[in-house]
Each structure stands twice: as structure tokens, then as C-alpha cells.
Amino acid sequence: MRKLLFTVLSVILFLPSSAKTGDGPVMTAGGYEVSKPEFEHFLWNNFRSESFTKKELKEYANLYLDFKLKVLAATDAGMDKEESFINDLKEFRDSHSEEFMVDSDFLEEAAYTIYNNSFEAVGPDGLCYMGIMTIAPQDESAQASVKAYMKADSIYHCLKNGEDFGMLAMRFSFDATASKGGAAGWMARSQLPEIIADSLFSLEEGAFCRPFELDNLFVIVYNMGHRDLGSFVQSRDEILDFIREQPDIYGEAFKRRAEAYSRQYGWGVTGDTAVMYMDSLIDEIAPEYADLVRDYHDGLLMYDISTQMVWDKVMTDSTGLAAYYEANRESLWKDGDRFKGMVLFCKDETLFREVEAALEDIPFEEWSRVIIRFNTGNSRIRAMRGTSGNGVFKKGQNEYVDALVFGEGTFEPMSGYPYANVVGKRVSCPESMADALTEVSEGYQESLERAWVKDLRKKYKYKIYRKALYRVMRQD
């Protein structure tokens, strides 16, 4: 074992590593070094440019530094040791390993072979999704057989009256499929006894047959669906899913890819040993896979720690939200005034004036109750109270408010309600936290984020290396 371990470690020294580029790190965060390739990977995936100004590089470097510090905080908090995290990461690794650890050409050939064999087995009749129910006599007597048939016939008539096949199958069927509501899956004619196949493939989709006897059982067959096998292209994904559940075929695909790596890197091993080498060294021999897994690993940790430190607090900290609102009320609407009120659509202006007078000196929260009284018996008036229901409209959100309050644009009258007007007032800052709940939540979240990042930068040592940073996305 020690000899094998030494061999594996020595192989690493001769692998092309993304970190061995001749460049120093772009930054360090709590002892972790961010290489030039890693930072370029971040830039390319998020900003899709092949060149950046120095100012942009500084901004993006600070973004990535804060991200890595959050990941470090999550690791220090033990979040990477939690069972849910470990399981999520393993599931992700497994689901994305095929491109790098499986011989895709071999899988494709295996899938095509299975398709050809299936095509011959299925034949011209295609496939039916079969539901089956069997009723068994209590013993071998003729009387018991008659009772079983009568029971099956009674079930048949229940089906004709619209009762659910699956429920009846679970309750009465003797077949092994009873627990699944009688669903036996997709079947070809060649897979079934002739009498069952003849019955199933003669039925229209959604139809069931009268009970018939087979081996002292009374059988009801249900055609739950029909399809042709289709072309290989149409069936390919389903066949590959089937192959992934076959250890012998899928395992062979792993071995073939591992042995190809062994030949490429001179490991000199085959079979399961080659697979072990490949699994141990995959991050080195397939840096794209390492990048993919690292992105998911770090992103999941960042999400978990941010939920705990920021997002959950925004959802639950009513005291903090209220304090933020009081401290920032005057500046919450920096982008312009709002209109607080309702847009009313009436049959005529006289009705509007009546409603307007009725709403005077009444709190906004009670306006809807007043308007309902005007619609007793028939619909005479309709109202809009904003997308959040709080009566606050921002310029650009509603064409009626834009025209009637802010004097911009025009509108078409609502069908059946030719008169439109507004009741309310133009305001420069919210009158209550409910008026600006979105802005308060977003602002409070940003303030928590800033304070948290500030604490992280005090807690962990970090450094951005400008010379290395300015060489990013350059080949010199």
C-alpha cells in the first residue's frame, strides 16, 4: 500500500497542473492562494470578456476576495462537515463525473447495441404501458373459481363506472404489481404470454379488457399508454439512463477511460487499479472538472453561511428592519417621488367624485372596504392598489399613474369603465415601513452584508497582489 501511495504521489508531480503556471497567486485569503487560472475562470464565467481595465480588475478582485472569505468562514464554522453538505457535494460530483471519468464512445456503442436489440425484440407493434390485475381463487375448487370470476367481473364493472384502476389493483390484485397500482411498465409483445399480449395490444390506449382466465387466475389488462420505439436519437437518453444503472456496463466504461489515462500519463496499471488512480487524480488530470466541483463546493458554502448571517436575519429580524427604516426613511426613495393611493375606474365622473368624497379622511387601509360598498349589487367601480398591495406606485410601474400623477405618457381606458382617475397623494418618502418594505429589506440586507464583510476582513489576513492581478487574461 505504501508503495502504491508513493507511486500515486509521484505521478502528480508530472501532471499538468493549472496552479503551476509560473505566476504567483493573484490574492491570498486566510492562507488560501487564488491562482491566476482560478481568478480568470471566475472572470470568464461571470463577465465574459477577454480584457479588463485595471479599475475593473480591482473591483472584481475585491468581489472574489469577499466570496473566498465567506467560504473560509463557512469552513471554520464546520459547514463543510455537515452531512447534508457532504451528500449534496457527492451527488454533484457523481452527476458531473461522466464527462471526465467515463469512456463516452464505449457508452454510445453500448447504447446503440441495446437499441438495435430492443428494436428487434419490440417488433412492429411497439410498446404498451401495461396495467394488470389478477384475481386468485381461494382454493382449487370449482366453486372458488366461480367466486373469483364473479369478483373479477364485479371489478370490471367498477372500472366501467369510472373507478380508479390503481386503487382497485392495490386493494384486490394478487399480482406482484399490486403495490404499484398494477403498473407493470412498458412492455413489448415478445415479453408477455401470448394471451396477455393479444389482449393488451388489441386495446385502445386508456381501455381495459374483460377478465380472462390464465393459469387459474382471472386477469384484467389495462393499456395505460402506447408508443413506438422511435429512432435511436429519440431513445438515446433513456437508454443511457438505463445503462447507468447496470454496474457491469457502466463499470467497464469507467475502466476504459481510466486505462486511457494510464496510457497517457504512464501509470502502468489497468482495471480497478487504474480506476483508483483516476479517481484519486481526477482534479489534476481534468482541471475543468476541478473548477466545476470547486465552484459548486464554494458556492454551496457561501449560500449556507450567507443564509445564516444575512438572509435569515432579513426575514426574521423585525427589530433590525424597523431600526433601519427609522434611520433611513428620508433617503429610501432616492430615485424619485412615489404616488400613494389608488387608481379608480368608474362608469362616469359623478361616481368617481362620490367615491373620492367617501374616502376623504379615511385611513388607506380601510379604502377597500368603502369601495366594496359602492359595488353592492353590481360592479360599478374597479381599483388598482399597486403591485405590492400597499398603494405605493413608482414612476414607470403603471401607465395610469404615470399619466395622471407624473404627467408622462398616455393610457387607454379600461373596457367597461371609461372614466379613470386617481385618489391619493404624491409623496417623497414613505409614511410607514409598509410603504417601502422592498427598499427596507434590500437596504437592511446590504447593510448586514457590508458589516459582515468588514468583520471578515478584520478576522482573516488577506492580500491582493497587483502585479499578478494585472497579468490576468494576458499570456505574457
Protein backbone atom coordinates (compact mmCIF):
# COMPACT_ATOMS: atom_id res chain seq x y z
CA MET A 1 0.00 0.00 0.00
CA ARG A 2 2.82 2.44 0.87
CA LYS A 3 4.48 1.67 -2.47
CA LEU A 4 1.20 2.31 -4.29
CA LEU A 5 0.70 5.59 -2.42
CA PHE A 6 4.24 6.71 -3.33
CA THR A 7 3.54 5.90 -6.98
CA VAL A 8 0.32 7.93 -6.96
CA LEU A 9 2.05 10.90 -5.35
CA SER A 10 4.95 10.75 -7.78
CA VAL A 11 2.54 10.78 -10.71
CA ILE A 12 1.11 14.10 -9.50
CA LEU A 13 4.47 15.75 -9.97
CA PHE A 14 4.36 15.04 -13.69
CA LEU A 15 0.76 16.11 -14.31
CA PRO A 16 -0.09 19.44 -15.97
CA SER A 17 -1.44 21.50 -13.07
CA SER A 18 -3.37 24.73 -13.53
CA ALA A 19 -1.62 26.11 -10.46
CA LYS A 20 1.88 25.57 -11.89
CA THR A 21 1.84 28.47 -14.32
CA GLY A 22 4.93 30.40 -13.32
CA ASP A 23 2.73 33.19 -11.94
CA GLY A 24 2.41 33.90 -8.25
CA PRO A 25 -1.05 33.98 -6.66
CA VAL A 26 -3.42 36.80 -7.56
CA MET A 27 -4.51 37.02 -3.93
CA THR A 28 -4.42 35.18 -0.62
CA ALA A 29 -7.39 34.82 1.70
CA GLY A 30 -6.77 33.39 5.14
CA GLY A 31 -3.87 31.29 3.85
CA TYR A 32 -5.66 30.14 0.68
CA GLU A 33 -3.89 31.17 -2.53
CA VAL A 34 -6.03 32.15 -5.53
CA SER A 35 -4.08 31.32 -8.67
CA LYS A 36 -4.24 33.25 -11.92
CA PRO A 37 -6.17 30.43 -13.69
CA GLU A 38 -8.71 30.28 -10.85
CA PHE A 39 -9.33 34.03 -10.93
CA GLU A 40 -9.53 34.01 -14.76
CA HIS A 41 -12.08 31.21 -14.50
CA PHE A 42 -14.16 33.42 -12.20
CA LEU A 43 -13.88 36.40 -14.56
CA TRP A 44 -14.71 34.46 -17.69
CA ASN A 45 -17.72 32.70 -16.17
CA ASN A 46 -19.20 35.90 -14.73
CA PHE A 47 -18.18 38.72 -17.03
CA ARG A 48 -17.36 37.09 -20.40
CA SER A 49 -14.60 39.40 -21.52
CA GLU A 50 -11.06 38.75 -22.69
CA SER A 51 -9.71 42.08 -21.44
CA PHE A 52 -10.36 44.27 -18.43
CA THR A 53 -9.27 47.70 -17.28
CA LYS A 54 -7.19 47.99 -14.11
CA LYS A 55 -10.17 49.52 -12.34
CA GLU A 56 -12.40 46.58 -13.31
CA LEU A 57 -9.77 44.08 -12.20
CA LYS A 58 -9.55 45.75 -8.78
CA GLU A 59 -13.34 45.70 -8.38
CA TYR A 60 -13.67 42.07 -9.42
CA ALA A 61 -10.69 41.04 -7.28
CA ASN A 62 -12.40 42.54 -4.23
CA LEU A 63 -15.63 40.74 -5.11
CA TYR A 64 -13.83 37.42 -5.37
CA LEU A 65 -11.84 38.09 -2.18
CA ASP A 66 -15.06 38.66 -0.21
CA PHE A 67 -16.51 35.49 -1.72
CA LYS A 68 -13.47 33.43 -0.64
CA LEU A 69 -13.56 34.95 2.86
CA LYS A 70 -17.20 33.86 3.21
CA VAL A 71 -16.26 30.35 2.11
CA LEU A 72 -13.44 30.36 4.67
CA ALA A 73 -15.86 31.47 7.40
CA ALA A 74 -18.25 28.66 6.47
CA THR A 75 -15.40 26.14 6.60
CA ASP A 76 -14.28 27.41 10.00
CA ALA A 77 -17.88 27.05 11.19
CA GLY A 78 -17.79 23.37 10.15
CA MET A 79 -20.45 23.68 7.47
CA ASP A 80 -18.36 21.56 5.09
CA LYS A 81 -18.55 18.70 7.64
CA GLU A 82 -22.35 18.66 7.80
CA GLU A 83 -23.98 15.56 6.38
CA SER A 84 -26.33 17.49 4.09
CA PHE A 85 -23.40 19.38 2.55
CA ILE A 86 -21.31 16.22 2.07
CA ASN A 87 -24.23 14.44 0.41
CA ASP A 88 -25.03 17.39 -1.86
CA LEU A 89 -21.40 17.68 -2.96
CA LYS A 90 -21.07 13.94 -3.59
CA GLU A 91 -24.26 13.93 -5.63
CA PHE A 92 -22.93 16.84 -7.69
CA ARG A 93 -19.53 15.21 -8.23
CA ASP A 94 -21.12 11.94 -9.26
CA SER A 95 -23.60 13.58 -11.62
CA HIS A 96 -20.85 15.56 -13.40
CA SER A 97 -18.07 12.99 -13.42
CA GLU A 98 -19.23 11.14 -16.52
CA GLU A 99 -17.74 13.61 -19.00
CA PHE A 100 -14.28 13.18 -17.44
CA MET A 101 -14.25 9.64 -15.97
CA VAL A 102 -16.26 7.53 -18.39
CA ASP A 103 -15.44 6.34 -21.92
CA SER A 104 -18.26 8.11 -23.76
CA ASP A 105 -17.55 6.31 -27.05
CA PHE A 106 -17.98 2.96 -25.32
CA LEU A 107 -21.25 4.13 -23.73
CA GLU A 108 -22.51 5.30 -27.11
CA GLU A 109 -21.70 1.94 -28.71
CA ALA A 110 -23.37 0.08 -25.83
CA ALA A 111 -26.47 2.27 -26.11
CA TYR A 112 -26.69 1.65 -29.86
CA THR A 113 -26.34 -2.10 -29.35
CA ILE A 114 -29.12 -2.10 -26.76
CA TYR A 115 -31.29 -0.04 -29.10
CA ASN A 116 -30.79 -2.48 -32.01
CA ASN A 117 -31.54 -5.46 -29.78
CA SER A 118 -34.60 -3.71 -28.41
CA PHE A 119 -35.81 -2.79 -31.88
CA GLU A 120 -35.69 -6.45 -32.90
CA ALA A 121 -37.44 -7.52 -29.69
CA VAL A 122 -40.16 -4.87 -29.82
CA GLY A 123 -41.18 -5.51 -33.41
CA PRO A 124 -43.78 -3.58 -35.38
CA ASP A 125 -46.35 -3.41 -32.56
CA GLY A 126 -44.26 -1.05 -30.46
CA LEU A 127 -44.61 -0.83 -26.68
CA CYS A 128 -47.58 -0.63 -24.35
CA TYR A 129 -47.51 0.59 -20.78
CA MET A 130 -49.37 -2.25 -19.11
CA GLY A 131 -51.56 -2.19 -16.07
CA ILE A 132 -52.51 -5.65 -14.82
CA MET A 133 -54.80 -7.01 -12.14
CA THR A 134 -55.12 -10.69 -11.20
CA ILE A 135 -57.82 -12.21 -9.01
CA ALA A 136 -56.95 -15.58 -7.46
CA PRO A 137 -59.43 -18.21 -6.22
CA GLN A 138 -59.14 -19.07 -2.53
CA ASP A 139 -58.57 -22.72 -3.37
CA GLU A 140 -58.58 -25.08 -6.36
CA SER A 141 -62.29 -25.95 -6.20
CA ALA A 142 -64.71 -25.13 -9.00
CA GLN A 143 -66.80 -23.09 -6.55
CA ALA A 144 -63.83 -20.94 -5.58
CA SER A 145 -63.04 -20.39 -9.26
CA VAL A 146 -66.58 -19.18 -9.94
CA LYS A 147 -66.39 -16.78 -6.97
CA ALA A 148 -63.06 -15.41 -8.22
CA TYR A 149 -64.50 -14.82 -11.68
CA MET A 150 -67.55 -13.06 -10.23
CA LYS A 151 -65.23 -10.86 -8.17
CA ALA A 152 -63.15 -10.03 -11.26
CA ASP A 153 -66.30 -9.29 -13.25
CA SER A 154 -67.54 -7.01 -10.46
CA ILE A 155 -64.20 -5.13 -10.56
CA TYR A 156 -64.52 -4.84 -14.33
CA HIS A 157 -67.90 -3.14 -13.97
CA CYS A 158 -66.49 -0.82 -11.30
CA LEU A 159 -63.83 0.21 -13.83
CA LYS A 160 -66.51 0.83 -16.44
CA ASN A 161 -68.26 3.09 -13.93
CA GLY A 162 -65.13 5.22 -13.63
CA GLU A 163 -63.42 3.84 -10.52
CA ASP A 164 -59.63 4.11 -10.42
CA PHE A 165 -57.69 1.10 -11.74
CA GLY A 166 -54.72 1.72 -9.44
CA MET A 167 -56.81 1.88 -6.28
CA LEU A 168 -58.68 -1.31 -7.17
CA ALA A 169 -55.43 -3.08 -8.05
CA MET A 170 -53.85 -2.17 -4.72
CA ARG A 171 -56.91 -3.45 -2.89
CA PHE A 172 -57.78 -6.62 -4.78
CA SER A 173 -54.97 -7.72 -7.13
CA PHE A 174 -52.94 -10.87 -6.44
CA ASP A 175 -50.23 -9.72 -8.89
CA ALA A 176 -46.76 -8.56 -7.73
CA THR A 177 -47.54 -5.14 -9.19
CA ALA A 178 -50.41 -4.53 -6.76
CA SER A 179 -48.35 -2.22 -4.54
CA LYS A 180 -47.70 -0.01 -7.60
CA GLY A 181 -51.36 0.17 -8.55
CA GLY A 182 -50.98 -2.60 -11.12
CA ALA A 183 -48.44 -0.65 -13.21
CA ALA A 184 -46.13 -3.19 -14.86
CA GLY A 185 -44.26 -0.73 -17.08
CA TRP A 186 -43.52 -0.59 -20.80
CA MET A 187 -43.91 -4.00 -22.43
CA ALA A 188 -43.15 -5.44 -25.85
CA ARG A 189 -45.28 -8.24 -27.27
CA SER A 190 -42.33 -10.63 -27.05
CA GLN A 191 -42.06 -10.12 -23.26
CA LEU A 192 -45.57 -11.36 -22.49
CA PRO A 193 -47.56 -14.60 -22.64
CA GLU A 194 -49.46 -14.70 -25.92
CA ILE A 195 -52.93 -14.36 -24.37
CA ILE A 196 -51.91 -11.27 -22.37
CA ALA A 197 -50.05 -9.74 -25.32
CA ASP A 198 -53.03 -10.28 -27.64
CA SER A 199 -55.35 -8.63 -25.12
CA LEU A 200 -53.05 -5.70 -24.32
CA PHE A 201 -52.12 -4.81 -27.90
CA SER A 202 -55.72 -5.05 -29.10
CA LEU A 203 -56.87 -2.41 -26.61
CA GLU A 204 -57.10 1.29 -27.35
CA GLU A 205 -54.96 3.49 -25.14
CA GLY A 206 -56.84 4.05 -21.85
CA ALA A 207 -59.02 0.94 -22.30
CA PHE A 208 -59.16 -2.26 -20.24
CA CYS A 209 -60.38 -5.75 -21.12
CA ARG A 210 -62.95 -8.11 -19.67
CA PRO A 211 -61.42 -10.58 -17.22
CA PHE A 212 -59.99 -13.73 -18.83
CA GLU A 213 -58.55 -16.88 -17.26
CA LEU A 214 -54.85 -17.70 -17.27
CA ASP A 215 -53.30 -20.41 -15.10
CA ASN A 216 -56.29 -20.45 -12.73
CA LEU A 217 -56.13 -16.66 -12.31
CA PHE A 218 -58.59 -14.12 -13.67
CA VAL A 219 -56.74 -11.29 -15.39
CA ILE A 220 -57.76 -7.73 -16.30
CA VAL A 221 -55.31 -5.89 -18.55
CA TYR A 222 -55.22 -2.09 -18.89
CA ASN A 223 -53.50 -0.26 -21.78
CA MET A 224 -52.07 2.76 -19.98
CA GLY A 225 -50.17 4.07 -23.00
CA HIS A 226 -48.68 3.12 -26.36
CA ARG A 227 -45.63 4.21 -28.27
CA ASP A 228 -43.29 3.07 -30.98
CA LEU A 229 -39.68 2.51 -30.04
CA GLY A 230 -38.74 5.52 -32.15
CA SER A 231 -35.34 6.36 -33.55
CA PHE A 232 -32.07 5.92 -31.67
CA VAL A 233 -31.82 9.69 -31.24
CA GLN A 234 -35.24 9.73 -29.58
CA SER A 235 -34.40 6.79 -27.31
CA ARG A 236 -30.75 7.61 -26.58
CA ASP A 237 -31.15 9.49 -23.28
CA GLU A 238 -33.49 6.86 -21.85
CA ILE A 239 -31.11 4.06 -22.84
CA LEU A 240 -28.15 5.87 -21.28
CA ASP A 241 -30.12 6.28 -18.05
CA PHE A 242 -30.72 2.52 -18.14
CA ILE A 243 -27.02 1.83 -18.71
CA ARG A 244 -26.03 3.96 -15.71
CA GLU A 245 -27.95 1.50 -13.54
CA GLN A 246 -26.05 -1.51 -14.96
CA PRO A 247 -22.82 -1.95 -12.93
CA ASP A 248 -21.20 -4.26 -15.47
CA ILE A 249 -21.63 -1.92 -18.46
CA TYR A 250 -21.06 1.35 -16.62
CA GLY A 251 -18.13 -0.10 -14.69
CA GLU A 252 -16.49 -1.15 -17.95
CA ALA A 253 -16.86 2.42 -19.25
CA PHE A 254 -15.00 3.66 -16.15
CA LYS A 255 -12.23 1.11 -16.62
CA ARG A 256 -11.72 2.00 -20.26
CA ARG A 257 -11.40 5.71 -19.51
CA ALA A 258 -9.05 5.01 -16.59
CA GLU A 259 -6.84 2.79 -18.72
CA ALA A 260 -6.69 5.52 -21.38
CA TYR A 261 -5.44 7.94 -18.71
CA SER A 262 -2.97 5.28 -17.56
CA ARG A 263 -1.51 5.05 -21.04
CA GLN A 264 -1.46 8.85 -21.40
CA TYR A 265 0.33 9.52 -18.12
CA GLY A 266 2.39 6.33 -17.90
CA TRP A 267 0.83 4.90 -14.76
CA GLY A 268 1.38 1.35 -16.00
CA VAL A 269 -1.78 -0.01 -14.36
CA THR A 270 -5.06 -1.46 -15.62
CA GLY A 271 -8.53 -2.44 -14.44
CA ASP A 272 -9.70 -1.46 -10.96
CA THR A 273 -6.26 -0.09 -10.05
CA ALA A 274 -6.43 2.32 -12.99
CA VAL A 275 -9.89 3.40 -11.82
CA MET A 276 -8.46 4.08 -8.35
CA TYR A 277 -5.68 6.20 -9.88
CA MET A 278 -8.19 8.11 -11.99
CA ASP A 279 -10.49 8.76 -9.04
CA SER A 280 -7.58 9.98 -6.90
CA LEU A 281 -6.08 12.23 -9.57
CA ILE A 282 -9.13 13.45 -11.47
CA ASP A 283 -8.75 17.03 -10.19
CA GLU A 284 -5.23 17.13 -11.62
CA ILE A 285 -5.83 15.39 -14.94
CA ALA A 286 -9.14 17.19 -15.60
CA PRO A 287 -8.81 20.78 -14.29
CA GLU A 288 -12.16 21.67 -15.89
CA TYR A 289 -13.80 19.14 -13.59
CA ALA A 290 -11.87 20.50 -10.60
CA ASP A 291 -13.08 24.01 -11.46
CA LEU A 292 -16.67 22.79 -11.75
CA VAL A 293 -16.59 20.99 -8.40
CA ARG A 294 -14.78 23.87 -6.67
CA ASP A 295 -17.38 26.34 -7.95
CA TYR A 296 -20.19 24.20 -6.57
CA HIS A 297 -18.37 23.47 -3.30
CA ASP A 298 -17.62 27.13 -2.63
CA GLY A 299 -20.97 28.37 -3.90
CA LEU A 300 -22.87 25.97 -1.63
CA LEU A 301 -20.83 27.00 1.40
CA MET A 302 -21.27 30.69 0.56
CA TYR A 303 -25.04 30.17 0.23
CA ASP A 304 -25.27 28.35 3.58
CA ILE A 305 -23.22 30.91 5.53
CA SER A 306 -24.97 33.88 3.84
CA THR A 307 -28.35 32.40 4.73
CA GLN A 308 -27.30 32.22 8.36
CA MET A 309 -25.52 35.56 8.58
CA VAL A 310 -27.69 37.75 6.33
CA TRP A 311 -30.76 36.37 4.58
CA ASP A 312 -32.43 34.70 7.57
CA LYS A 313 -31.96 37.87 9.61
CA VAL A 314 -33.70 39.96 6.95
CA MET A 315 -36.65 37.56 7.10
CA THR A 316 -36.92 37.37 10.90
CA ASP A 317 -35.29 40.42 12.48
CA SER A 318 -38.28 42.78 12.74
CA THR A 319 -36.46 44.96 15.26
CA GLY A 320 -33.47 45.38 12.93
CA LEU A 321 -35.73 46.17 9.98
CA ALA A 322 -37.63 48.76 11.96
CA ALA A 323 -34.41 50.39 13.15
CA TYR A 324 -33.07 50.50 9.59
CA TYR A 325 -36.33 52.08 8.39
CA GLU A 326 -36.26 54.80 11.05
CA ALA A 327 -32.61 55.62 10.35
CA ASN A 328 -33.02 55.75 6.56
CA ARG A 329 -36.65 56.75 5.94
CA GLU A 330 -35.80 60.08 4.32
CA SER A 331 -33.40 58.54 1.80
CA LEU A 332 -35.17 55.30 0.86
CA TRP A 333 -36.66 56.77 -2.32
CA LYS A 334 -33.58 58.37 -3.82
CA ASP A 335 -34.82 57.54 -7.31
CA GLY A 336 -37.83 59.87 -7.08
CA ASP A 337 -41.24 60.50 -5.57
CA ARG A 338 -43.94 57.90 -5.30
CA PHE A 339 -47.71 58.06 -5.57
CA LYS A 340 -49.63 56.57 -2.66
CA GLY A 341 -53.27 55.85 -3.31
CA MET A 342 -55.43 54.02 -5.83
CA VAL A 343 -56.33 54.18 -9.49
CA LEU A 344 -60.12 54.06 -9.80
CA PHE A 345 -62.05 53.03 -12.92
CA CYS A 346 -65.65 54.18 -12.94
CA LYS A 347 -68.68 54.29 -15.21
CA ASP A 348 -68.66 58.11 -15.09
CA GLU A 349 -67.04 61.08 -13.33
CA THR A 350 -70.01 61.60 -10.99
CA LEU A 351 -69.47 58.16 -9.45
CA PHE A 352 -65.75 58.89 -9.06
CA ARG A 353 -66.47 62.11 -7.16
CA GLU A 354 -68.82 60.20 -4.82
CA VAL A 355 -66.12 57.64 -4.07
CA GLU A 356 -63.46 60.33 -3.69
CA ALA A 357 -65.60 62.13 -1.11
CA ALA A 358 -66.32 58.89 0.76
CA LEU A 359 -62.58 58.14 1.06
CA GLU A 360 -61.68 61.57 2.42
CA ASP A 361 -60.19 61.47 5.96
CA ILE A 362 -60.34 57.64 6.00
CA PRO A 363 -57.10 55.65 6.52
CA PHE A 364 -55.82 53.98 3.35
CA GLU A 365 -56.11 50.53 4.97
CA GLU A 366 -59.92 50.96 5.03
CA TRP A 367 -60.38 52.20 1.46
CA SER A 368 -61.11 48.77 0.00
CA ARG A 369 -63.98 48.27 2.49
CA VAL A 370 -65.51 51.58 1.44
CA ILE A 371 -65.18 50.84 -2.28
CA ILE A 372 -66.86 47.44 -1.84
CA ARG A 373 -70.00 49.21 -0.62
CA PHE A 374 -70.26 51.05 -3.97
CA ASN A 375 -70.24 47.71 -5.79
CA THR A 376 -73.10 46.14 -3.84
CA GLY A 377 -75.47 44.58 -6.35
CA ASN A 378 -73.28 45.16 -9.43
CA SER A 379 -69.74 46.14 -10.39
CA ARG A 380 -69.68 49.92 -10.80
CA ILE A 381 -66.07 50.65 -9.93
CA ARG A 382 -62.70 48.88 -10.08
CA ALA A 383 -59.47 49.76 -8.30
CA MET A 384 -55.71 49.24 -8.56
CA ARG A 385 -53.65 49.48 -5.38
CA GLY A 386 -50.12 48.70 -6.62
CA THR A 387 -48.17 45.52 -7.25
CA SER A 388 -47.45 45.08 -3.52
CA GLY A 389 -50.99 45.95 -2.47
CA ASN A 390 -49.74 48.83 -0.31
CA GLY A 391 -50.95 51.58 -2.65
CA VAL A 392 -47.45 52.78 -3.50
CA PHE A 393 -46.65 53.34 -7.18
CA LYS A 394 -43.21 54.12 -8.58
CA LYS A 395 -42.83 56.08 -11.80
CA GLY A 396 -42.78 53.64 -14.70
CA GLN A 397 -44.77 50.90 -12.96
CA ASN A 398 -48.29 51.88 -14.04
CA GLU A 399 -49.35 53.74 -17.18
CA TYR A 400 -52.38 55.33 -15.46
CA VAL A 401 -50.29 56.71 -12.57
CA ASP A 402 -47.57 57.86 -14.97
CA ALA A 403 -50.08 59.91 -16.95
CA LEU A 404 -52.38 61.12 -14.17
CA VAL A 405 -49.80 61.80 -11.43
CA PHE A 406 -46.40 62.25 -13.10
CA GLY A 407 -47.71 63.75 -16.36
CA GLU A 408 -45.90 61.27 -18.59
CA GLY A 409 -47.43 59.14 -21.37
CA THR A 410 -51.00 58.22 -22.17
CA PHE A 411 -53.34 55.29 -21.48
CA GLU A 412 -56.31 53.50 -22.93
CA PRO A 413 -59.48 53.40 -20.76
CA MET A 414 -60.34 50.07 -19.16
CA SER A 415 -63.06 48.22 -21.08
CA GLY A 416 -66.46 48.88 -19.49
CA TYR A 417 -65.10 51.62 -17.22
CA PRO A 418 -64.45 54.66 -19.42
CA TYR A 419 -63.53 57.09 -16.63
CA ALA A 420 -60.14 56.70 -14.87
CA ASN A 421 -58.66 58.87 -12.14
CA VAL A 422 -56.54 58.65 -9.01
CA VAL A 423 -57.22 59.17 -5.34
CA GLY A 424 -54.20 59.75 -3.12
CA LYS A 425 -51.11 61.92 -3.00
CA ARG A 426 -47.58 62.26 -4.27
CA VAL A 427 -45.03 61.59 -1.53
CA SER A 428 -41.26 61.99 -1.34
CA CYS A 429 -40.66 59.47 1.47
CA PRO A 430 -42.65 56.58 2.98
CA GLU A 431 -45.21 57.25 5.67
CA SER A 432 -44.76 53.79 7.20
CA MET A 433 -42.41 50.83 6.78
CA ALA A 434 -45.13 49.02 4.84
CA ASP A 435 -44.87 51.71 2.13
CA ALA A 436 -41.24 50.76 1.42
CA LEU A 437 -40.90 47.17 2.60
CA THR A 438 -38.95 46.12 -0.51
CA GLU A 439 -36.49 49.00 -0.19
CA VAL A 440 -36.13 48.43 3.55
CA SER A 441 -35.47 44.70 3.13
CA GLU A 442 -32.93 45.27 0.36
CA GLY A 443 -31.22 48.09 2.22
CA TYR A 444 -31.07 46.18 5.51
CA GLN A 445 -29.63 43.19 3.68
CA GLU A 446 -26.95 45.36 2.11
CA SER A 447 -26.08 46.89 5.49
CA LEU A 448 -25.78 43.44 7.09
CA GLU A 449 -23.63 42.30 4.18
CA ARG A 450 -21.29 45.29 4.47
CA ALA A 451 -20.89 44.86 8.23
CA TRP A 452 -20.25 41.14 7.85
CA VAL A 453 -17.62 41.61 5.13
CA LYS A 454 -15.93 44.28 7.24
CA ASP A 455 -15.73 41.82 10.14
CA LEU A 456 -14.37 39.10 7.86
CA ARG A 457 -11.63 41.39 6.60
CA LYS A 458 -10.66 42.13 10.20
CA LYS A 459 -10.70 38.46 11.18
CA TYR A 460 -8.70 36.96 8.29
CA LYS A 461 -5.43 38.03 6.74
CA TYR A 462 -5.68 38.75 3.04
CA LYS A 463 -3.69 40.36 0.28
CA ILE A 464 -4.24 41.20 -3.39
CA TYR A 465 -1.05 41.13 -5.46
CA ARG A 466 -1.42 43.89 -8.02
CA LYS A 467 1.38 42.79 -10.36
CA ALA A 468 -0.09 39.32 -10.64
CA LEU A 469 -3.61 40.78 -10.90
CA TYR A 470 -2.69 43.00 -13.84
CA ARG A 471 -1.33 39.96 -15.73
CA VAL A 472 -4.75 38.32 -15.60
CA MET A 473 -6.16 37.37 -19.06
CA ARG A 474 -2.71 38.09 -20.59
CA GLN A 475 -0.32 35.48 -21.87
CA ASP A 476 2.96 37.32 -21.22
